Protein backbone atom coordinates (compact mmCIF):
# COMPACT_ATOMS: atom_id res chain seq x y z
CA MET A 1 -5.70 -5.10 41.28
CA SER A 2 -8.73 -2.84 41.23
CA HIS A 3 -11.91 -4.89 40.93
CA GLY A 4 -15.12 -3.45 39.53
CA ALA A 5 -18.36 -5.37 39.72
CA LEU A 6 -18.92 -7.02 36.35
CA PRO A 7 -22.17 -8.44 35.01
CA ARG A 8 -22.55 -12.16 35.26
CA GLY A 9 -23.79 -14.60 32.67
CA GLY A 10 -22.49 -16.93 30.02
CA VAL A 11 -23.91 -15.48 26.80
CA PRO A 12 -22.81 -12.52 24.67
CA GLY A 13 -24.24 -9.21 25.85
CA GLN A 14 -23.68 -5.53 25.20
CA GLY A 15 -20.44 -5.00 27.08
CA LEU A 16 -17.11 -4.20 25.46
CA VAL A 17 -13.95 -5.71 26.94
CA VAL A 18 -10.67 -4.10 25.91
CA ILE A 19 -7.28 -5.57 26.72
CA GLY A 20 -4.38 -3.28 26.06
CA ASP A 21 -2.03 -0.61 27.19
CA VAL A 22 -2.32 2.22 29.68
CA VAL A 23 0.37 4.82 29.04
CA THR A 24 1.56 8.12 30.42
CA ASP A 25 1.88 10.36 27.36
CA VAL A 26 4.24 13.31 27.30
CA VAL A 27 2.96 15.33 24.33
CA ALA A 28 5.36 17.93 22.93
CA ARG A 29 3.92 20.16 20.19
CA TYR A 30 6.54 22.18 18.29
CA ARG A 31 6.17 24.51 15.33
CA THR A 32 9.71 24.92 13.98
CA ALA A 33 12.25 22.35 12.87
CA LEU A 34 13.87 20.45 15.73
CA ALA A 35 17.22 22.09 16.51
CA HIS A 36 19.77 19.32 17.07
CA GLY A 37 21.99 19.84 20.10
CA THR A 38 20.09 22.82 21.53
CA ASP A 39 16.61 24.04 22.50
CA THR A 40 13.43 23.95 20.45
CA ALA A 41 10.40 25.78 21.86
CA ALA A 42 7.43 23.49 22.49
CA GLU A 43 4.12 23.19 24.33
CA ILE A 44 4.42 20.14 26.61
CA ARG A 45 1.65 18.33 28.49
CA THR A 46 1.51 15.09 30.47
CA LEU A 47 -1.67 13.18 29.67
CA ALA A 48 -3.21 9.75 30.12
CA GLY A 49 -2.96 7.61 26.99
CA GLY A 50 -2.34 4.16 25.54
CA ALA A 51 -3.99 2.62 22.48
CA GLY A 52 -6.17 0.20 24.43
CA ALA A 53 -7.15 2.70 27.12
CA ASN A 54 -7.84 5.42 24.55
CA ALA A 55 -10.11 3.13 22.52
CA ALA A 56 -12.00 2.17 25.68
CA CYS A 57 -12.53 5.83 26.59
CA TRP A 58 -13.79 6.70 23.11
CA ALA A 59 -16.16 3.72 23.13
CA ALA A 60 -17.63 5.00 26.39
CA ARG A 61 -17.80 8.54 25.00
CA THR A 62 -19.67 7.46 21.87
CA GLY A 63 -22.39 5.38 23.44
CA CYS A 64 -21.20 2.10 24.96
CA ALA A 65 -22.46 2.05 28.55
CA ASP A 66 -20.46 -0.99 29.66
CA VAL A 67 -16.77 -0.67 28.82
CA ARG A 68 -14.14 -2.65 30.70
CA LEU A 69 -10.38 -2.50 30.40
CA LEU A 70 -7.72 -4.97 31.48
CA ALA A 71 -4.22 -3.48 31.57
CA ARG A 72 -1.03 -3.47 33.61
CA VAL A 73 0.58 -0.42 35.18
CA GLY A 74 3.38 0.31 37.57
CA ALA A 75 2.68 1.25 41.17
CA ASP A 76 4.03 4.71 40.32
CA ALA A 77 0.94 5.88 38.44
CA HIS A 78 -1.86 3.40 39.24
CA ASP A 79 -4.15 5.79 41.11
CA TRP A 80 -3.71 8.62 38.59
CA HIS A 81 -4.63 6.39 35.66
CA GLU A 82 -7.48 4.62 37.44
CA GLU A 83 -9.12 7.93 38.34
CA ARG A 84 -8.94 9.19 34.76
CA LEU A 85 -10.42 5.99 33.39
CA ARG A 86 -13.22 6.14 35.96
CA ARG A 87 -14.02 9.71 34.91
CA ALA A 88 -14.18 8.52 31.30
CA GLY A 89 -16.78 5.88 32.17
CA VAL A 90 -14.43 2.91 31.86
CA ARG A 91 -14.32 0.18 34.50
CA ALA A 92 -10.67 -0.74 34.68
CA ARG A 93 -8.90 -3.72 36.13
CA LEU A 94 -5.37 -2.41 36.41
CA VAL A 95 -2.88 -5.03 37.47
CA ILE A 96 -0.13 -3.38 39.53
CA ASP A 97 3.41 -4.32 38.53
CA GLU A 98 5.76 -3.79 41.48
CA GLN A 99 8.89 -4.24 39.37
CA VAL A 100 8.27 -2.30 36.16
CA PRO A 101 7.01 1.30 35.85
CA THR A 102 3.99 2.40 33.86
CA ALA A 103 4.54 2.67 30.11
CA THR A 104 5.60 6.12 28.93
CA VAL A 105 5.46 7.56 25.42
CA ILE A 106 6.97 10.82 24.28
CA CYS A 107 4.77 12.14 21.47
CA LEU A 108 6.55 14.66 19.23
CA VAL A 109 3.84 16.51 17.32
CA ASP A 110 4.91 18.76 14.45
CA ALA A 111 3.20 21.72 12.80
CA SER A 112 1.20 19.39 10.50
CA ALA A 113 -0.22 17.59 13.58
CA GLU A 114 1.68 14.40 12.68
CA ARG A 115 3.21 12.59 15.62
CA THR A 116 6.42 10.64 16.12
CA LEU A 117 6.50 8.34 19.14
CA LEU A 118 9.34 7.41 21.48
CA THR A 119 8.01 4.42 23.39
CA ASP A 120 9.00 2.79 26.68
CA SER A 121 6.43 -0.01 26.96
CA GLY A 122 7.14 -0.59 30.64
CA ALA A 123 4.47 -2.59 32.45
CA ALA A 124 2.03 -2.46 29.52
CA LEU A 125 3.52 -5.48 27.77
CA CYS A 126 3.98 -7.48 30.97
CA LEU A 127 0.36 -8.64 31.03
CA SER A 128 0.35 -12.42 31.29
CA PRO A 129 -2.20 -15.25 31.16
CA ALA A 130 -2.19 -15.18 34.97
CA ASP A 131 -3.85 -11.74 34.77
CA TRP A 132 -6.76 -13.10 32.77
CA SER A 133 -10.06 -14.50 34.01
CA PRO A 134 -12.80 -15.70 31.63
CA SER A 135 -15.29 -13.99 33.98
CA LEU A 136 -14.16 -10.70 32.45
CA LEU A 137 -16.27 -11.68 29.44
CA ASP A 138 -19.50 -12.15 31.41
CA GLY A 139 -22.13 -10.01 29.70
CA ALA A 140 -19.71 -8.93 26.97
CA GLY A 141 -20.69 -8.62 23.33
CA ARG A 142 -17.21 -7.92 21.98
CA LEU A 143 -13.55 -8.33 22.89
CA HIS A 144 -10.96 -5.91 21.53
CA LEU A 145 -7.21 -6.49 21.70
CA SER A 146 -4.59 -3.80 21.26
CA GLY A 147 -1.99 -4.94 18.77
CA TYR A 148 0.77 -3.96 21.18
CA LEU A 149 -0.04 -7.15 23.09
CA PHE A 150 1.36 -9.22 20.24
CA PHE A 151 4.82 -7.70 20.35
CA THR A 152 6.16 -9.56 23.41
CA GLU A 153 5.88 -13.26 24.16
CA VAL A 154 4.17 -12.99 27.54
CA SER A 155 1.50 -10.51 26.48
CA ARG A 156 0.98 -12.41 23.22
CA ARG A 157 0.14 -15.51 25.26
CA LEU A 158 -2.34 -13.43 27.26
CA ALA A 159 -3.95 -12.19 24.03
CA GLU A 160 -4.22 -15.73 22.67
CA THR A 161 -5.73 -16.96 25.95
CA ALA A 162 -8.33 -14.19 26.04
CA MET A 163 -9.16 -14.66 22.36
CA GLY A 164 -9.68 -18.36 22.95
CA SER A 165 -12.06 -17.64 25.82
CA ALA A 166 -14.06 -15.24 23.66
CA LEU A 167 -14.29 -17.55 20.67
CA GLU A 168 -15.50 -20.39 22.91
CA ARG A 169 -18.42 -18.16 23.92
CA GLY A 170 -19.13 -16.94 20.39
CA ILE A 171 -17.97 -13.40 21.22
CA PRO A 172 -16.43 -11.62 18.21
CA VAL A 173 -12.88 -10.36 18.57
CA SER A 174 -11.24 -7.32 16.98
CA VAL A 175 -7.58 -6.33 16.81
CA ASP A 176 -5.87 -3.02 16.04
CA PRO A 177 -2.31 -3.80 14.82
CA ALA A 178 -1.26 -0.60 16.63
CA SER A 179 2.29 0.07 15.38
CA ALA A 180 3.89 -0.21 11.97
CA GLY A 181 7.32 0.00 13.60
CA PHE A 182 6.75 -2.85 16.05
CA LEU A 183 4.83 -4.83 13.41
CA ARG A 184 7.82 -4.65 11.09
CA GLY A 185 9.99 -6.16 13.82
CA LEU A 186 7.57 -9.01 14.57
CA GLY A 187 6.84 -9.88 10.93
CA ALA A 188 3.55 -9.86 9.03
CA GLU A 189 3.00 -13.61 8.82
CA ARG A 190 3.74 -14.12 12.48
CA PHE A 191 1.25 -11.42 13.40
CA LEU A 192 -1.44 -12.74 11.06
CA ALA A 193 -1.00 -16.25 12.44
CA ALA A 194 -1.41 -14.93 15.98
CA VAL A 195 -4.69 -13.16 15.14
CA ALA A 196 -6.24 -16.07 13.24
CA GLY A 197 -9.90 -16.31 14.26
CA VAL A 198 -10.56 -12.60 14.81
CA GLU A 199 -13.66 -11.09 13.24
CA THR A 200 -12.35 -7.59 12.54
CA LEU A 201 -8.89 -6.21 11.84
CA LEU A 202 -8.43 -2.43 12.12
CA PRO A 203 -5.07 -1.37 10.66
CA ASN A 204 -4.09 2.02 9.35
CA ALA A 205 -2.81 2.27 5.78
CA ASP A 206 0.85 1.73 6.69
CA GLU A 207 0.04 -1.32 8.80
CA ALA A 208 -2.19 -2.76 6.07
CA LYS A 209 0.63 -2.38 3.53
CA LEU A 210 3.07 -4.13 5.86
CA LEU A 211 0.66 -6.98 6.51
CA THR A 212 0.04 -7.65 2.82
CA GLY A 213 3.06 -6.32 0.93
CA LEU A 214 0.65 -4.33 -1.26
CA THR A 215 1.19 -0.61 -1.77
CA ASP A 216 -2.38 0.41 -2.58
CA PRO A 217 -4.52 0.62 0.61
CA ALA A 218 -7.61 -0.64 -1.22
CA ASP A 219 -5.77 -3.69 -2.50
CA ALA A 220 -4.37 -4.26 0.99
CA ALA A 221 -7.82 -3.98 2.57
CA ALA A 222 -9.27 -6.46 0.09
CA GLU A 223 -6.43 -8.90 0.70
CA LEU A 224 -6.79 -8.70 4.48
CA SER A 225 -10.51 -9.44 4.16
CA ARG A 226 -9.52 -12.81 2.74
CA ARG A 227 -7.79 -13.51 6.06
CA VAL A 228 -10.48 -12.09 8.39
CA PRO A 229 -14.20 -11.49 7.83
CA VAL A 230 -13.96 -7.68 8.12
CA ALA A 231 -10.94 -5.48 7.39
CA VAL A 232 -11.29 -1.76 8.09
CA VAL A 233 -8.32 0.31 6.97
CA THR A 234 -8.10 3.87 8.29
CA LEU A 235 -6.68 6.50 5.95
CA GLY A 236 -6.30 9.49 8.27
CA ALA A 237 -7.65 12.60 6.60
CA ASP A 238 -8.93 10.47 3.68
CA GLY A 239 -11.48 8.48 5.70
CA ALA A 240 -11.55 4.68 5.77
CA LEU A 241 -12.01 1.55 3.66
CA VAL A 242 -14.28 -1.33 4.63
CA ALA A 243 -13.54 -4.68 3.00
CA GLU A 244 -15.29 -8.03 3.27
CA ALA A 245 -14.93 -11.33 1.42
CA GLY A 246 -11.97 -10.16 -0.64
CA ALA A 247 -13.38 -6.87 -1.91
CA VAL A 248 -13.70 -3.28 -0.74
CA ARG A 249 -17.31 -2.80 0.20
CA ALA A 250 -17.21 0.93 0.88
CA ARG A 251 -15.00 4.00 0.96
CA VAL A 252 -16.12 5.99 3.97
CA PRO A 253 -15.52 9.73 3.54
CA PRO A 254 -13.63 11.71 6.15
CA VAL A 255 -15.12 14.27 8.49
CA GLN A 256 -13.39 17.61 8.14
CA ALA A 257 -11.52 18.92 11.17
CA HIS A 258 -8.84 21.41 12.11
CA ALA A 259 -6.06 19.05 13.15
CA VAL A 260 -3.80 20.02 16.04
CA ASP A 261 -2.61 16.56 17.18
CA SER A 262 -3.09 13.20 15.46
CA THR A 263 -2.20 11.28 18.65
CA GLY A 264 -4.97 8.78 19.36
CA ALA A 265 -7.05 9.47 16.25
CA GLY A 266 -6.93 5.81 15.25
CA ASP A 267 -7.88 4.80 18.80
CA ALA A 268 -10.86 7.15 18.66
CA PHE A 269 -11.92 5.55 15.38
CA THR A 270 -11.62 2.08 16.93
CA GLY A 271 -13.58 2.94 20.07
CA ALA A 272 -16.43 4.57 18.18
CA PHE A 273 -16.47 1.78 15.59
CA LEU A 274 -16.83 -0.87 18.30
CA ALA A 275 -19.50 1.07 20.19
CA ALA A 276 -21.50 1.40 16.98
CA ARG A 277 -21.15 -2.31 16.19
CA LEU A 278 -22.44 -3.19 19.66
CA ALA A 279 -25.40 -0.87 19.03
CA GLY A 280 -26.29 -2.82 15.87
CA ALA A 281 -24.53 -0.83 13.14
CA ASP A 282 -23.06 -2.66 10.15
CA PRO A 283 -19.33 -2.22 9.45
CA VAL A 284 -19.84 0.69 7.03
CA GLU A 285 -22.10 2.59 9.43
CA ALA A 286 -19.67 1.85 12.24
CA ALA A 287 -16.74 3.15 10.18
CA ALA A 288 -18.63 6.40 9.62
CA ALA A 289 -19.01 6.73 13.40
CA GLY A 290 -15.30 6.04 13.68
CA CYS A 291 -14.48 8.84 11.24
CA ARG A 292 -16.58 11.27 13.28
CA ALA A 293 -14.71 10.36 16.46
CA GLY A 294 -11.36 10.56 14.68
CA ALA A 295 -12.17 14.09 13.53
CA GLU A 296 -12.99 15.08 17.11
CA ALA A 297 -9.77 13.49 18.34
CA VAL A 298 -7.41 15.32 15.98
CA ALA A 299 -8.91 18.66 17.01
CA THR A 300 -7.69 18.19 20.61
CA VAL A 301 -4.32 17.54 22.23
CA GLY A 302 -3.76 13.97 23.41
CA GLY A 303 -5.44 10.67 22.69
CA ARG A 304 -8.51 10.83 24.94
CA PRO A 305 -11.85 12.65 24.74
CA VAL A 306 -11.95 16.01 26.50
CA TYR A 307 -14.14 16.07 29.60
CA GLU A 308 -15.48 19.15 31.32
CA GLY A 309 -14.68 19.79 34.97
């Protein structure tokens, strides 16, 4: 495991702790219909990704000076991922899994910039309670959990352990449900039971519909805010909804962008939202910051901010 020096202390601070997935993304952008059984021309790049890691990088990019990430990777790509997280300003504790390779996702991005994901979760969902230490929360003001953690038993136990540690210290917890496909397999009630006690839930429109059974995103956002204090539902090119106490408080307008790849746009929103909350913004102001980051994200290929050099 790579150990960075973390601030000490037993009270909430200004740090953001993210627990989630580090992924090797293979992004294939194609402009014509996929030709079954033969070749389709595409632009293909191998990039660092993962919902948790992406959100951490965007939080660092948009103003949070103390961002930490706990994740699990295979020995095959540990150094490559650690170096990219370091460049992004994220202090990562990457547990090395000697048995399972690093998670890999093939991102098929069509001409509309919409992506379809083929996911091999690999080591990402092998995080266990043994990988957790409450000291990771020293000096932290928020804990964020990638929803992917809730889709296997061992990583779900890790998420519950970390959430318990945070709640004992009075540190607010947020969760991004992460995947409508995996969420459908787990079941809405099981997921909602597992995240009981979180302060903020950050689903996209499809995830919010699955979690509530309601087809209108505004109705779904309002319903979720009866289960958690703050529900923020992202709407892609239509902005976001912020709901509290059973009602939509605000519709946050989108920021216009020329979209080339929607991979990681929701992660960018999450990272910027959390950085803004740590800086003192209310949920509506933070959602506006999230929309700005999301617009930046869709204008680039891959799920991370673009760094010079």
